[in-house]
Amino acid sequence: MADKKKDKYCVRCSRKAEDGDKYCVGCGAPLVNSCTNVGDMFTKKCTKVNREDAAYCSGCGAPTIFHREGLLSGTAVRVEHKGEPS
């Protein structure tokens, strides 16, 4: 039985990606929804690759690259600051 690979398409422009592509050659969008947690001196970098529709990492809870780049619909984050009306 042949191993079928699923074709990968850009979430921004729908262009078909080639095997090994990390970014869309048409619009520059990332093709893999990686975690954005780069770590610091106290925590390790998260290397989790998430589902295409994930706004937050299922491994550590940090925003995903698709969320950070605005590639997911309906995932805007509301930020409130103390002392400002909500």
N, C-alpha and C. Protein backbone atom coordinates (compact mmCIF):
# COMPACT_ATOMS: atom_id res chain seq x y z
N MET A 1 0.83 -1.19 0.00
CA MET A 1 0.00 0.00 0.00
C MET A 1 0.88 1.25 0.00
N ALA A 2 0.62 2.17 -0.88
CA ALA A 2 1.42 3.39 -1.01
C ALA A 2 1.10 4.35 0.12
N ASP A 3 2.14 5.04 0.59
CA ASP A 3 1.99 6.04 1.63
C ASP A 3 1.54 7.35 0.97
N LYS A 4 0.32 7.78 1.26
CA LYS A 4 -0.20 9.01 0.66
C LYS A 4 0.15 10.20 1.54
N LYS A 5 0.79 11.19 0.94
CA LYS A 5 1.09 12.43 1.64
C LYS A 5 -0.01 13.43 1.33
N LYS A 6 -0.44 14.13 2.35
CA LYS A 6 -1.45 15.16 2.17
C LYS A 6 -0.78 16.42 1.63
N ASP A 7 -1.35 16.98 0.58
CA ASP A 7 -0.82 18.23 0.03
C ASP A 7 -0.96 19.33 1.07
N LYS A 8 0.02 20.23 1.11
CA LYS A 8 0.00 21.34 2.04
C LYS A 8 -0.25 22.63 1.27
N TYR A 9 -1.15 23.46 1.81
CA TYR A 9 -1.50 24.74 1.18
C TYR A 9 -1.30 25.87 2.18
N CYS A 10 -0.98 27.03 1.67
CA CYS A 10 -0.80 28.22 2.50
C CYS A 10 -2.15 28.64 3.09
N VAL A 11 -2.15 28.97 4.39
CA VAL A 11 -3.39 29.40 5.04
C VAL A 11 -3.77 30.83 4.66
N ARG A 12 -2.82 31.61 4.13
CA ARG A 12 -3.12 32.99 3.73
C ARG A 12 -3.60 33.07 2.28
N CYS A 13 -2.86 32.49 1.34
CA CYS A 13 -3.18 32.68 -0.07
C CYS A 13 -3.61 31.40 -0.79
N SER A 14 -3.60 30.28 -0.09
CA SER A 14 -4.04 28.98 -0.63
C SER A 14 -3.13 28.40 -1.71
N ARG A 15 -1.94 28.92 -1.85
CA ARG A 15 -0.99 28.39 -2.83
C ARG A 15 -0.46 27.04 -2.35
N LYS A 16 -0.30 26.10 -3.25
CA LYS A 16 0.21 24.78 -2.90
C LYS A 16 1.70 24.89 -2.58
N ALA A 17 2.10 24.25 -1.48
CA ALA A 17 3.50 24.26 -1.05
C ALA A 17 4.20 23.00 -1.52
N GLU A 18 5.48 23.10 -1.74
CA GLU A 18 6.30 21.95 -2.10
C GLU A 18 6.81 21.30 -0.82
N ASP A 19 7.19 20.02 -0.92
CA ASP A 19 7.78 19.34 0.23
C ASP A 19 9.01 20.10 0.70
N GLY A 20 9.12 20.27 1.99
CA GLY A 20 10.29 20.95 2.56
C GLY A 20 10.15 22.46 2.70
N ASP A 21 9.13 23.06 2.07
CA ASP A 21 8.93 24.50 2.21
C ASP A 21 8.54 24.84 3.64
N LYS A 22 9.13 25.90 4.18
CA LYS A 22 8.78 26.38 5.52
C LYS A 22 7.90 27.62 5.44
N TYR A 23 8.03 28.35 4.34
CA TYR A 23 7.26 29.58 4.12
C TYR A 23 6.67 29.55 2.72
N CYS A 24 5.54 30.20 2.55
CA CYS A 24 4.88 30.26 1.25
C CYS A 24 5.72 31.10 0.29
N VAL A 25 5.93 30.58 -0.92
CA VAL A 25 6.71 31.32 -1.91
C VAL A 25 5.89 32.42 -2.56
N GLY A 26 4.57 32.40 -2.36
CA GLY A 26 3.71 33.42 -2.94
C GLY A 26 3.50 34.64 -2.06
N CYS A 27 3.37 34.39 -0.73
CA CYS A 27 3.07 35.53 0.16
C CYS A 27 3.98 35.61 1.38
N GLY A 28 4.82 34.60 1.59
CA GLY A 28 5.76 34.64 2.70
C GLY A 28 5.22 34.17 4.03
N ALA A 29 3.98 33.70 4.08
CA ALA A 29 3.38 33.23 5.33
C ALA A 29 4.03 31.92 5.76
N PRO A 30 4.14 31.69 7.08
CA PRO A 30 4.67 30.41 7.53
C PRO A 30 3.70 29.28 7.16
N LEU A 31 4.25 28.10 6.85
CA LEU A 31 3.42 26.97 6.45
C LEU A 31 3.19 25.98 7.59
N VAL A 32 3.95 26.12 8.66
CA VAL A 32 3.82 25.23 9.82
C VAL A 32 3.44 26.07 11.02
N ASN A 33 2.42 25.63 11.76
CA ASN A 33 1.92 26.38 12.91
C ASN A 33 2.70 26.02 14.18
N SER A 34 3.89 26.55 14.26
CA SER A 34 4.78 26.26 15.40
C SER A 34 4.46 27.15 16.59
N CYS A 35 4.93 26.71 17.74
CA CYS A 35 4.82 27.50 18.97
C CYS A 35 5.78 28.68 18.89
N THR A 36 5.42 29.81 19.48
CA THR A 36 6.28 31.00 19.47
C THR A 36 7.12 31.13 20.73
N ASN A 37 6.97 30.19 21.67
CA ASN A 37 7.72 30.24 22.92
C ASN A 37 9.19 29.94 22.66
N VAL A 38 10.04 30.96 22.73
CA VAL A 38 11.46 30.79 22.46
C VAL A 38 12.25 30.45 23.71
N GLY A 39 11.58 30.42 24.85
CA GLY A 39 12.26 30.10 26.10
C GLY A 39 13.05 31.28 26.64
N ASP A 40 13.63 31.06 27.80
CA ASP A 40 14.49 32.07 28.41
C ASP A 40 15.49 31.34 29.30
N MET A 41 16.12 32.05 30.18
CA MET A 41 17.15 31.40 31.01
C MET A 41 16.57 30.40 32.01
N PHE A 42 15.25 30.45 32.23
CA PHE A 42 14.62 29.55 33.19
C PHE A 42 13.76 28.46 32.54
N THR A 43 13.37 28.65 31.30
CA THR A 43 12.50 27.68 30.63
C THR A 43 13.07 27.30 29.26
N LYS A 44 12.74 26.10 28.84
CA LYS A 44 13.19 25.61 27.54
C LYS A 44 12.31 26.15 26.43
N LYS A 45 12.88 26.22 25.24
CA LYS A 45 12.13 26.58 24.04
C LYS A 45 11.11 25.47 23.76
N CYS A 46 9.91 25.84 23.36
CA CYS A 46 8.90 24.86 22.98
C CYS A 46 9.02 24.61 21.48
N THR A 47 9.13 23.36 21.09
CA THR A 47 9.29 23.01 19.68
C THR A 47 8.05 22.34 19.10
N LYS A 48 6.92 22.46 19.79
CA LYS A 48 5.68 21.81 19.37
C LYS A 48 5.18 22.39 18.04
N VAL A 49 4.76 21.50 17.14
CA VAL A 49 4.08 21.89 15.91
C VAL A 49 2.61 21.59 16.13
N ASN A 50 1.78 22.61 16.01
CA ASN A 50 0.36 22.51 16.33
C ASN A 50 -0.51 22.33 15.10
N ARG A 51 -1.78 21.98 15.34
CA ARG A 51 -2.76 21.88 14.25
C ARG A 51 -2.86 23.23 13.55
N GLU A 52 -3.34 23.21 12.32
CA GLU A 52 -3.45 24.46 11.55
C GLU A 52 -4.43 25.46 12.16
N ASP A 53 -5.41 24.98 12.92
CA ASP A 53 -6.41 25.89 13.49
C ASP A 53 -6.12 26.30 14.93
N ALA A 54 -4.96 25.91 15.47
CA ALA A 54 -4.62 26.21 16.87
C ALA A 54 -4.12 27.64 17.02
N ALA A 55 -4.76 28.39 17.90
CA ALA A 55 -4.31 29.74 18.21
C ALA A 55 -3.26 29.72 19.32
N TYR A 56 -3.31 28.70 20.17
CA TYR A 56 -2.37 28.58 21.26
C TYR A 56 -1.77 27.18 21.26
N CYS A 57 -0.55 27.07 21.71
CA CYS A 57 0.19 25.81 21.71
C CYS A 57 -0.43 24.80 22.66
N SER A 58 -0.61 23.59 22.18
CA SER A 58 -1.17 22.54 23.04
C SER A 58 -0.13 21.99 24.00
N GLY A 59 1.13 22.36 23.81
CA GLY A 59 2.19 21.90 24.69
C GLY A 59 2.49 22.83 25.85
N CYS A 60 2.43 24.15 25.60
CA CYS A 60 2.80 25.10 26.66
C CYS A 60 1.82 26.27 26.82
N GLY A 61 0.89 26.44 25.90
CA GLY A 61 -0.10 27.51 26.02
C GLY A 61 0.30 28.85 25.42
N ALA A 62 1.49 28.95 24.85
CA ALA A 62 1.92 30.20 24.21
C ALA A 62 1.20 30.37 22.87
N PRO A 63 1.09 31.60 22.37
CA PRO A 63 0.47 31.79 21.06
C PRO A 63 1.23 31.04 19.97
N THR A 64 0.52 30.59 18.96
CA THR A 64 1.17 29.93 17.82
C THR A 64 1.58 30.97 16.80
N ILE A 65 2.42 30.56 15.86
CA ILE A 65 2.88 31.47 14.81
C ILE A 65 1.72 31.94 13.94
N PHE A 66 0.75 31.07 13.64
CA PHE A 66 -0.40 31.47 12.83
C PHE A 66 -1.21 32.54 13.56
N HIS A 67 -1.34 32.40 14.87
CA HIS A 67 -2.08 33.40 15.66
C HIS A 67 -1.32 34.72 15.68
N ARG A 68 -0.02 34.65 15.94
CA ARG A 68 0.81 35.87 16.01
C ARG A 68 0.81 36.62 14.69
N GLU A 69 0.81 35.90 13.58
CA GLU A 69 0.85 36.51 12.26
C GLU A 69 -0.54 36.90 11.74
N GLY A 70 -1.59 36.65 12.52
CA GLY A 70 -2.95 37.01 12.11
C GLY A 70 -3.51 36.13 11.01
N LEU A 71 -3.08 34.88 10.96
CA LEU A 71 -3.51 33.97 9.90
C LEU A 71 -4.75 33.15 10.27
N LEU A 72 -5.23 33.31 11.48
CA LEU A 72 -6.43 32.58 11.91
C LEU A 72 -7.57 33.57 12.07
N SER A 73 -8.74 33.20 11.59
CA SER A 73 -9.88 34.10 11.73
C SER A 73 -10.49 33.93 13.12
N GLY A 74 -10.92 35.04 13.70
CA GLY A 74 -11.60 35.01 15.00
C GLY A 74 -10.69 34.74 16.18
N THR A 75 -9.40 35.05 16.07
CA THR A 75 -8.51 34.78 17.18
C THR A 75 -7.85 36.04 17.73
N ALA A 76 -8.49 37.17 17.54
CA ALA A 76 -7.92 38.41 18.06
C ALA A 76 -7.88 38.37 19.57
N VAL A 77 -6.81 38.87 20.13
CA VAL A 77 -6.64 38.88 21.58
C VAL A 77 -6.95 40.27 22.09
N ARG A 78 -7.82 40.34 23.10
CA ARG A 78 -8.15 41.62 23.71
C ARG A 78 -7.22 41.84 24.90
N VAL A 79 -6.52 42.95 24.90
CA VAL A 79 -5.60 43.26 25.98
C VAL A 79 -6.16 44.44 26.74
N GLU A 80 -6.35 44.25 28.05
CA GLU A 80 -6.83 45.33 28.90
C GLU A 80 -5.70 45.82 29.79
N HIS A 81 -5.65 47.12 30.00
CA HIS A 81 -4.63 47.70 30.83
C HIS A 81 -5.29 48.28 32.08
N LYS A 82 -4.63 48.12 33.21
CA LYS A 82 -5.19 48.66 34.45
C LYS A 82 -5.36 50.16 34.34
N GLY A 83 -6.48 50.65 34.85
CA GLY A 83 -6.74 52.07 34.85
C GLY A 83 -7.44 52.57 33.61
N GLU A 84 -7.59 51.71 32.60
CA GLU A 84 -8.29 52.10 31.38
C GLU A 84 -9.69 51.49 31.39
N PRO A 85 -10.69 52.22 30.89
CA PRO A 85 -12.02 51.64 30.82
C PRO A 85 -12.06 50.46 29.87
N SER A 86 -12.88 49.45 30.21
CA SER A 86 -12.95 48.28 29.33
C SER A 86 -14.12 48.33 28.41
